[in-house]
Every structure is written in structure tokens, then in C-alpha cells.
Protein backbone atom coordinates (compact mmCIF):
# COMPACT_ATOMS: atom_id res chain seq x y z
CA MET A 1 -1.13 81.68 -38.37
CA VAL A 2 0.78 84.86 -37.86
CA GLY A 3 1.85 85.74 -33.99
CA GLU A 4 -1.28 84.80 -32.01
CA ARG A 5 -3.65 85.72 -34.93
CA TYR A 6 -5.37 82.94 -37.15
CA PHE A 7 -6.13 84.58 -40.39
CA THR A 8 -8.88 83.62 -43.21
CA ASP A 9 -8.83 85.32 -46.59
CA PHE A 10 -11.53 86.28 -48.83
CA PRO A 11 -10.65 86.86 -52.26
CA THR A 12 -12.86 88.36 -55.12
CA PHE A 13 -12.63 87.15 -58.42
CA ILE A 14 -13.33 88.09 -62.08
CA LYS A 15 -13.32 86.28 -65.13
CA ALA A 16 -11.91 88.95 -67.78
CA GLU A 17 -10.65 88.14 -71.38
CA GLY A 18 -10.66 84.07 -70.54
CA ARG A 19 -8.53 84.61 -67.21
CA TRP A 20 -9.60 85.00 -63.89
CA GLN A 21 -7.93 87.55 -61.35
CA ILE A 22 -7.86 88.55 -58.07
CA ILE A 23 -9.50 92.16 -57.68
CA SER A 24 -9.82 92.31 -54.00
CA LYS A 25 -9.61 90.78 -50.77
CA VAL A 26 -10.92 91.21 -47.53
CA PHE A 27 -9.27 89.15 -44.34
CA HIS A 28 -10.65 88.08 -40.67
CA TYR A 29 -8.68 87.27 -37.95
CA ASP A 30 -9.12 85.43 -34.51
CA ILE A 31 -6.75 85.43 -31.55
CA ALA A 32 -5.23 81.97 -30.84
CA ASP A 33 -6.52 81.92 -27.12
CA ALA A 34 -10.39 82.81 -28.44
CA LYS A 35 -10.32 80.13 -30.95
CA GLN A 36 -8.96 77.21 -28.40
CA ASP A 37 -11.70 79.09 -25.99
CA ASP A 38 -14.38 78.34 -28.89
CA ALA A 39 -13.33 74.97 -29.57
CA LYS A 40 -13.47 74.02 -25.69
CA GLN A 41 -16.70 75.33 -25.39
CA GLY A 42 -18.21 73.57 -28.78
CA SER A 43 -16.90 70.35 -27.37
CA ALA A 44 -18.66 70.87 -24.21
CA HIS A 45 -21.80 71.72 -25.62
CA GLU A 46 -21.76 68.66 -27.71
CA HIS A 47 -21.57 66.46 -24.90
CA GLN A 48 -24.59 67.84 -22.83
């Protein structure tokens, strides 16, 4: 978590000459309050 953001990284790997290397990385972030709201909604739907 950085500030109010939760980050998820999606690295892309390639194996070349017997070694794995990261060739790119894409990331996505969610705002902390939105994650908490989603969790609340998820648990509310589970109990209905």
C-alpha cells in the first residue's frame, strides 16, 4: 500500500539462455476506501 492505494503488479517473464528475466511490468491500483467498500458489499451479499 502506498498512501491510499493498493497496488497489484503483473510482470511478464521470458526465459532466455537458461535465465528468467522480467521484460515488462504492468500495474493496477485500487483506492483504499473503494477496497473497503467492496469488501463490505461482498460480505453483505454472502449473508443474504
